[in-house]
Amino acid sequence: MELIAKLFGVFLQIGCFSIGGGYAVISLIQNQIVGKYGWLTEKTFGDIITISQMTPGPLAVNASTFAGFQLAGVWGAAAATAGCVAGGIVLSLLLYVFFKKKGNSFYMTHLLKGLKAASTGLILSAAGTILLLTFWGSSDIGQLSLSGIEIRSVALFVSALLLPRIIVPLFTKGKVKGLGPVALMLLTGAAGFFLYH
């Protein structure tokens, strides 16, 4: 029961400070559940992020549900999800009231500019974390080396970058303008299955 209460509290904090949306919150979740509490390994965290991106719904909610389930089963999933959502709801209501009163003020305009810059930094940090976890299996820069890079992951990454807008139109002589995200996920998922199996 103590772990379930702790999960609720940690994800309540994450929900309150997840400014910038799904990708911006990845670093915060990683900092808490991998770094601070050591509840999950980096590999498991990377798997959770991958699953969260593929399932419908907000990334932060999906990640909290999966992390909670990994740690404490159904009750852990419920507690983590409730904490994540409750924080966002309370903060959104408070911000709504504040915006309604001070929406066009000098201070609010500058506050929003600062929050945009911070959320952009958090999103780029999350992209770096996902890239490191994908290519090296670790986001600890001190442990990285060229010999440890996962070549198959790099090949899939490059394919995912080039297939949609360059390779498919080139090979279909322009008849197909590009490859949609669902088709791309299915193709790279199948390729990953065969490459890693």
C-alpha atoms as a PDB file:
ATOM      1  CA  MET A   1       0.000   0.000   0.000  1.00  0.00           C
ATOM      2  CA  GLU A   2       2.936   2.312   0.698  1.00  0.00           C
ATOM      3  CA  LEU A   3       4.236   1.886  -2.872  1.00  0.00           C
ATOM      4  CA  ILE A   4       0.797   2.667  -4.306  1.00  0.00           C
ATOM      5  CA  ALA A   5       0.566   5.886  -2.262  1.00  0.00           C
ATOM      6  CA  LYS A   6       4.104   6.790  -3.338  1.00  0.00           C
ATOM      7  CA  LEU A   7       3.213   6.151  -6.993  1.00  0.00           C
ATOM      8  CA  PHE A   8       0.206   8.450  -6.675  1.00  0.00           C
ATOM      9  CA  GLY A   9       2.350  11.193  -5.106  1.00  0.00           C
ATOM     10  CA  VAL A  10       5.174  10.935  -7.635  1.00  0.00           C
ATOM     11  CA  PHE A  11       2.825  10.974 -10.620  1.00  0.00           C
ATOM     12  CA  LEU A  12       0.774  13.787  -9.077  1.00  0.00           C
ATOM     13  CA  GLN A  13       3.986  15.812  -9.038  1.00  0.00           C
ATOM     14  CA  ILE A  14       4.744  14.767 -12.628  1.00  0.00           C
ATOM     15  CA  GLY A  15       1.209  15.714 -13.712  1.00  0.00           C
ATOM     16  CA  CYS A  16       1.528  19.140 -12.095  1.00  0.00           C
ATOM     17  CA  PHE A  17       4.846  19.930 -13.759  1.00  0.00           C
ATOM     18  CA  SER A  18       4.349  18.363 -17.179  1.00  0.00           C
ATOM     19  CA  ILE A  19       4.338  21.717 -18.938  1.00  0.00           C
ATOM     20  CA  GLY A  20       4.761  21.243 -22.661  1.00  0.00           C
ATOM     21  CA  GLY A  21       2.839  18.022 -23.088  1.00  0.00           C
ATOM     22  CA  GLY A  22       3.774  14.409 -23.630  1.00  0.00           C
ATOM     23  CA  TYR A  23       7.324  14.539 -24.919  1.00  0.00           C
ATOM     24  CA  ALA A  24       8.338  17.275 -22.502  1.00  0.00           C
ATOM     25  CA  VAL A  25       7.372  15.063 -19.543  1.00  0.00           C
ATOM     26  CA  ILE A  26       9.557  12.101 -20.563  1.00  0.00           C
ATOM     27  CA  SER A  27      12.657  13.539 -18.874  1.00  0.00           C
ATOM     28  CA  LEU A  28      10.705  14.273 -15.698  1.00  0.00           C
ATOM     29  CA  ILE A  29       9.274  10.746 -15.548  1.00  0.00           C
ATOM     30  CA  GLN A  30      12.708   9.245 -16.197  1.00  0.00           C
ATOM     31  CA  ASN A  31      14.290  11.421 -13.525  1.00  0.00           C
ATOM     32  CA  GLN A  32      11.776  10.232 -10.936  1.00  0.00           C
ATOM     33  CA  ILE A  33      11.204   6.539 -11.660  1.00  0.00           C
ATOM     34  CA  VAL A  34      14.646   5.601 -12.984  1.00  0.00           C
ATOM     35  CA  GLY A  35      16.961   8.136 -11.360  1.00  0.00           C
ATOM     36  CA  LYS A  36      15.532   9.192  -8.008  1.00  0.00           C
ATOM     37  CA  TYR A  37      13.653   6.062  -6.930  1.00  0.00           C
ATOM     38  CA  GLY A  38      15.339   3.397  -9.080  1.00  0.00           C
ATOM     39  CA  TRP A  39      12.001   1.672  -9.609  1.00  0.00           C
ATOM     40  CA  LEU A  40      12.717   0.797 -13.243  1.00  0.00           C
ATOM     41  CA  THR A  41      15.802   0.214 -15.358  1.00  0.00           C
ATOM     42  CA  GLU A  42      16.549   2.457 -18.313  1.00  0.00           C
ATOM     43  CA  LYS A  43      15.731  -0.407 -20.672  1.00  0.00           C
ATOM     44  CA  THR A  44      12.316  -0.956 -19.087  1.00  0.00           C
ATOM     45  CA  PHE A  45      11.705   2.797 -19.162  1.00  0.00           C
ATOM     46  CA  GLY A  46      12.609   2.871 -22.868  1.00  0.00           C
ATOM     47  CA  ASP A  47      10.171   0.020 -23.502  1.00  0.00           C
ATOM     48  CA  ILE A  48       7.440   1.898 -21.620  1.00  0.00           C
ATOM     49  CA  ILE A  49       8.003   5.016 -23.740  1.00  0.00           C
ATOM     50  CA  THR A  50       7.860   2.939 -26.929  1.00  0.00           C
ATOM     51  CA  ILE A  51       4.602   1.276 -25.883  1.00  0.00           C
ATOM     52  CA  SER A  52       3.175   4.633 -24.740  1.00  0.00           C
ATOM     53  CA  GLN A  53       3.852   6.162 -28.151  1.00  0.00           C
ATOM     54  CA  MET A  54       2.101   3.334 -29.975  1.00  0.00           C
ATOM     55  CA  THR A  55      -1.059   3.208 -27.867  1.00  0.00           C
ATOM     56  CA  PRO A  56      -3.935   5.693 -28.129  1.00  0.00           C
ATOM     57  CA  GLY A  57      -4.046   8.489 -25.596  1.00  0.00           C
ATOM     58  CA  PRO A  58      -1.694  11.046 -24.078  1.00  0.00           C
ATOM     59  CA  LEU A  59       1.891   9.870 -23.671  1.00  0.00           C
ATOM     60  CA  ALA A  60       2.170  10.961 -20.024  1.00  0.00           C
ATOM     61  CA  VAL A  61      -0.993   9.089 -19.044  1.00  0.00           C
ATOM     62  CA  ASN A  62       0.024   5.968 -20.970  1.00  0.00           C
ATOM     63  CA  ALA A  63       3.534   6.036 -19.487  1.00  0.00           C
ATOM     64  CA  SER A  64       2.199   6.489 -15.953  1.00  0.00           C
ATOM     65  CA  THR A  65      -0.252   3.614 -16.445  1.00  0.00           C
ATOM     66  CA  PHE A  66       2.428   1.263 -17.774  1.00  0.00           C
ATOM     67  CA  ALA A  67       4.984   2.278 -15.129  1.00  0.00           C
ATOM     68  CA  GLY A  68       2.448   1.876 -12.326  1.00  0.00           C
ATOM     69  CA  PHE A  69       1.457  -1.543 -13.660  1.00  0.00           C
ATOM     70  CA  GLN A  70       5.099  -2.656 -13.899  1.00  0.00           C
ATOM     71  CA  LEU A  71       5.677  -1.667 -10.285  1.00  0.00           C
ATOM     72  CA  ALA A  72       2.457  -2.610  -8.488  1.00  0.00           C
ATOM     73  CA  GLY A  73       0.015  -4.259 -10.879  1.00  0.00           C
ATOM     74  CA  VAL A  74      -3.485  -2.964 -11.517  1.00  0.00           C
ATOM     75  CA  TRP A  75      -3.638  -0.840  -8.341  1.00  0.00           C
ATOM     76  CA  GLY A  76      -0.273   0.705  -9.167  1.00  0.00           C
ATOM     77  CA  ALA A  77      -1.492   1.538 -12.673  1.00  0.00           C
ATOM     78  CA  ALA A  78      -4.667   3.110 -11.261  1.00  0.00           C
ATOM     79  CA  ALA A  79      -2.752   5.146  -8.659  1.00  0.00           C
ATOM     80  CA  ALA A  80      -0.110   6.404 -11.102  1.00  0.00           C
ATOM     81  CA  THR A  81      -2.715   7.310 -13.724  1.00  0.00           C
ATOM     82  CA  ALA A  82      -4.958   9.052 -11.181  1.00  0.00           C
ATOM     83  CA  GLY A  83      -1.997  11.042  -9.866  1.00  0.00           C
ATOM     84  CA  CYS A  84      -0.875  12.086 -13.334  1.00  0.00           C
ATOM     85  CA  VAL A  85      -4.365  13.141 -14.413  1.00  0.00           C
ATOM     86  CA  ALA A  86      -5.325  14.824 -11.117  1.00  0.00           C
ATOM     87  CA  GLY A  87      -2.266  17.071 -11.221  1.00  0.00           C
ATOM     88  CA  GLY A  88      -3.046  18.220 -14.743  1.00  0.00           C
ATOM     89  CA  ILE A  89      -6.725  18.811 -13.993  1.00  0.00           C
ATOM     90  CA  VAL A  90      -6.075  20.883 -10.860  1.00  0.00           C
ATOM     91  CA  LEU A  91      -3.335  22.914 -12.523  1.00  0.00           C
ATOM     92  CA  SER A  92      -5.468  23.487 -15.645  1.00  0.00           C
ATOM     93  CA  LEU A  93      -8.382  24.752 -13.560  1.00  0.00           C
ATOM     94  CA  LEU A  94      -6.129  27.110 -11.608  1.00  0.00           C
ATOM     95  CA  LEU A  95      -4.507  28.404 -14.790  1.00  0.00           C
ATOM     96  CA  TYR A  96      -7.919  28.891 -16.392  1.00  0.00           C
ATOM     97  CA  VAL A  97      -9.054  31.096 -13.520  1.00  0.00           C
ATOM     98  CA  PHE A  98      -5.780  33.029 -13.626  1.00  0.00           C
ATOM     99  CA  PHE A  99      -5.914  33.458 -17.430  1.00  0.00           C
ATOM    100  CA  LYS A 100      -9.480  34.655 -17.268  1.00  0.00           C
ATOM    101  CA  LYS A 101      -8.401  37.482 -14.957  1.00  0.00           C
ATOM    102  CA  LYS A 102      -4.903  38.284 -16.242  1.00  0.00           C
ATOM    103  CA  GLY A 103      -4.778  36.706 -19.720  1.00  0.00           C
ATOM    104  CA  ASN A 104      -3.491  39.706 -21.662  1.00  0.00           C
ATOM    105  CA  SER A 105      -1.198  41.167 -19.028  1.00  0.00           C
ATOM    106  CA  PHE A 106       2.460  42.007 -19.565  1.00  0.00           C
ATOM    107  CA  TYR A 107       3.525  39.422 -16.986  1.00  0.00           C
ATOM    108  CA  MET A 108       1.406  36.633 -18.448  1.00  0.00           C
ATOM    109  CA  THR A 109       2.822  37.218 -21.932  1.00  0.00           C
ATOM    110  CA  HIS A 110       6.380  36.949 -20.638  1.00  0.00           C
ATOM    111  CA  LEU A 111       5.545  33.960 -18.453  1.00  0.00           C
ATOM    112  CA  LEU A 112       4.201  32.115 -21.501  1.00  0.00           C
ATOM    113  CA  LYS A 113       7.333  32.950 -23.517  1.00  0.00           C
ATOM    114  CA  GLY A 114       9.458  31.465 -20.753  1.00  0.00           C
ATOM    115  CA  LEU A 115       7.287  28.356 -20.540  1.00  0.00           C
ATOM    116  CA  LYS A 116       7.495  27.863 -24.328  1.00  0.00           C
ATOM    117  CA  ALA A 117      11.281  27.996 -24.183  1.00  0.00           C
ATOM    118  CA  ALA A 118      11.385  25.579 -21.252  1.00  0.00           C
ATOM    119  CA  SER A 119       9.000  23.114 -22.878  1.00  0.00           C
ATOM    120  CA  THR A 120      11.025  23.202 -26.111  1.00  0.00           C
ATOM    121  CA  GLY A 121      14.153  22.373 -24.119  1.00  0.00           C
ATOM    122  CA  LEU A 122      12.372  19.517 -22.352  1.00  0.00           C
ATOM    123  CA  ILE A 123      11.116  18.111 -25.663  1.00  0.00           C
ATOM    124  CA  LEU A 124      14.636  18.208 -27.132  1.00  0.00           C
ATOM    125  CA  SER A 125      15.973  16.573 -23.970  1.00  0.00           C
ATOM    126  CA  ALA A 126      13.367  13.818 -24.346  1.00  0.00           C
ATOM    127  CA  ALA A 127      14.338  13.341 -27.999  1.00  0.00           C
ATOM    128  CA  GLY A 128      17.973  12.982 -26.930  1.00  0.00           C
ATOM    129  CA  THR A 129      17.025  10.475 -24.232  1.00  0.00           C
ATOM    130  CA  ILE A 130      14.977   8.379 -26.662  1.00  0.00           C
ATOM    131  CA  LEU A 131      17.786   8.515 -29.237  1.00  0.00           C
ATOM    132  CA  LEU A 132      20.400   7.376 -26.700  1.00  0.00           C
ATOM    133  CA  LEU A 133      18.160   4.597 -25.356  1.00  0.00           C
ATOM    134  CA  THR A 134      17.446   3.431 -28.909  1.00  0.00           C
ATOM    135  CA  PHE A 135      21.032   3.441 -30.175  1.00  0.00           C
ATOM    136  CA  TRP A 136      22.940   2.481 -27.006  1.00  0.00           C
ATOM    137  CA  GLY A 137      20.364   1.134 -24.541  1.00  0.00           C
ATOM    138  CA  SER A 138      21.421   3.766 -21.990  1.00  0.00           C
ATOM    139  CA  SER A 139      21.009   7.504 -21.613  1.00  0.00           C
ATOM    140  CA  ASP A 140      24.171   7.796 -19.488  1.00  0.00           C
ATOM    141  CA  ILE A 141      26.516   9.719 -21.776  1.00  0.00           C
ATOM    142  CA  GLY A 142      29.543   8.546 -19.781  1.00  0.00           C
ATOM    143  CA  GLN A 143      28.887   4.928 -20.815  1.00  0.00           C
ATOM    144  CA  LEU A 144      28.568   5.538 -24.550  1.00  0.00           C
ATOM    145  CA  SER A 145      31.074   4.369 -27.136  1.00  0.00           C
ATOM    146  CA  LEU A 146      30.951   3.819 -30.879  1.00  0.00           C
ATOM    147  CA  SER A 147      31.532   0.110 -30.358  1.00  0.00           C
ATOM    148  CA  GLY A 148      28.373  -0.081 -28.242  1.00  0.00           C
ATOM    149  CA  ILE A 149      26.055   1.418 -30.849  1.00  0.00           C
ATOM    150  CA  GLU A 150      23.192  -0.802 -31.995  1.00  0.00           C
ATOM    151  CA  ILE A 151      23.594  -0.818 -35.805  1.00  0.00           C
ATOM    152  CA  ARG A 152      20.181  -2.390 -36.450  1.00  0.00           C
ATOM    153  CA  SER A 153      18.482   0.416 -34.523  1.00  0.00           C
ATOM    154  CA  VAL A 154      20.422   3.030 -36.484  1.00  0.00           C
ATOM    155  CA  ALA A 155      19.367   1.344 -39.754  1.00  0.00           C
ATOM    156  CA  LEU A 156      15.705   1.354 -38.709  1.00  0.00           C
ATOM    157  CA  PHE A 157      15.986   4.992 -37.598  1.00  0.00           C
ATOM    158  CA  VAL A 158      17.508   6.087 -40.916  1.00  0.00           C
ATOM    159  CA  SER A 159      14.877   4.073 -42.804  1.00  0.00           C
ATOM    160  CA  ALA A 160      12.100   5.760 -40.837  1.00  0.00           C
ATOM    161  CA  LEU A 161      13.585   9.152 -41.710  1.00  0.00           C
ATOM    162  CA  LEU A 162      14.020   8.434 -45.417  1.00  0.00           C
ATOM    163  CA  LEU A 163      11.127   6.100 -46.318  1.00  0.00           C
ATOM    164  CA  PRO A 164       8.169   8.474 -45.972  1.00  0.00           C
ATOM    165  CA  ARG A 165       9.290  11.387 -48.118  1.00  0.00           C
ATOM    166  CA  ILE A 166      12.269  10.222 -50.208  1.00  0.00           C
ATOM    167  CA  ILE A 167      12.472   6.473 -50.862  1.00  0.00           C
ATOM    168  CA  VAL A 168       8.768   5.684 -51.462  1.00  0.00           C
ATOM    169  CA  PRO A 169       8.169   8.604 -53.888  1.00  0.00           C
ATOM    170  CA  LEU A 170      11.466   7.826 -55.670  1.00  0.00           C
ATOM    171  CA  PHE A 171      10.662   4.139 -56.229  1.00  0.00           C
ATOM    172  CA  THR A 172       7.039   4.785 -57.220  1.00  0.00           C
ATOM    173  CA  LYS A 173       8.095   7.559 -59.629  1.00  0.00           C
ATOM    174  CA  GLY A 174       5.969  10.070 -57.767  1.00  0.00           C
ATOM    175  CA  LYS A 175       2.740   8.032 -57.928  1.00  0.00           C
ATOM    176  CA  VAL A 176       2.829   7.655 -54.154  1.00  0.00           C
ATOM    177  CA  LYS A 177       3.674  10.957 -52.481  1.00  0.00           C
ATOM    178  CA  GLY A 178       4.716   9.491 -49.161  1.00  0.00           C
ATOM    179  CA  LEU A 179       4.216   6.875 -46.514  1.00  0.00           C
ATOM    180  CA  GLY A 180       1.794   7.533 -43.659  1.00  0.00           C
ATOM    181  CA  PRO A 181       2.761   7.089 -40.005  1.00  0.00           C
ATOM    182  CA  VAL A 182       0.683   3.925 -39.513  1.00  0.00           C
ATOM    183  CA  ALA A 183       2.234   2.199 -42.527  1.00  0.00           C
ATOM    184  CA  LEU A 184       5.681   3.358 -41.407  1.00  0.00           C
ATOM    185  CA  MET A 185       5.173   1.969 -37.887  1.00  0.00           C
ATOM    186  CA  LEU A 186       3.939  -1.353 -39.290  1.00  0.00           C
ATOM    187  CA  LEU A 187       6.888  -1.622 -41.695  1.00  0.00           C
ATOM    188  CA  THR A 188       9.561  -0.704 -39.155  1.00  0.00           C
ATOM    189  CA  GLY A 189       7.897  -2.887 -36.506  1.00  0.00           C
ATOM    190  CA  ALA A 190       7.955  -5.866 -38.872  1.00  0.00           C
ATOM    191  CA  ALA A 191      11.534  -5.090 -39.898  1.00  0.00           C
ATOM    192  CA  GLY A 192      12.536  -4.827 -36.236  1.00  0.00           C
ATOM    193  CA  PHE A 193      10.913  -8.179 -35.499  1.00  0.00           C
ATOM    194  CA  PHE A 194      12.930  -9.883 -38.233  1.00  0.00           C
ATOM    195  CA  LEU A 195      16.166  -8.008 -37.489  1.00  0.00           C
ATOM    196  CA  TYR A 196      16.116  -8.758 -33.766  1.00  0.00           C
ATOM    197  CA  HIS A 197      14.521 -12.219 -33.885  1.00  0.00           C
END
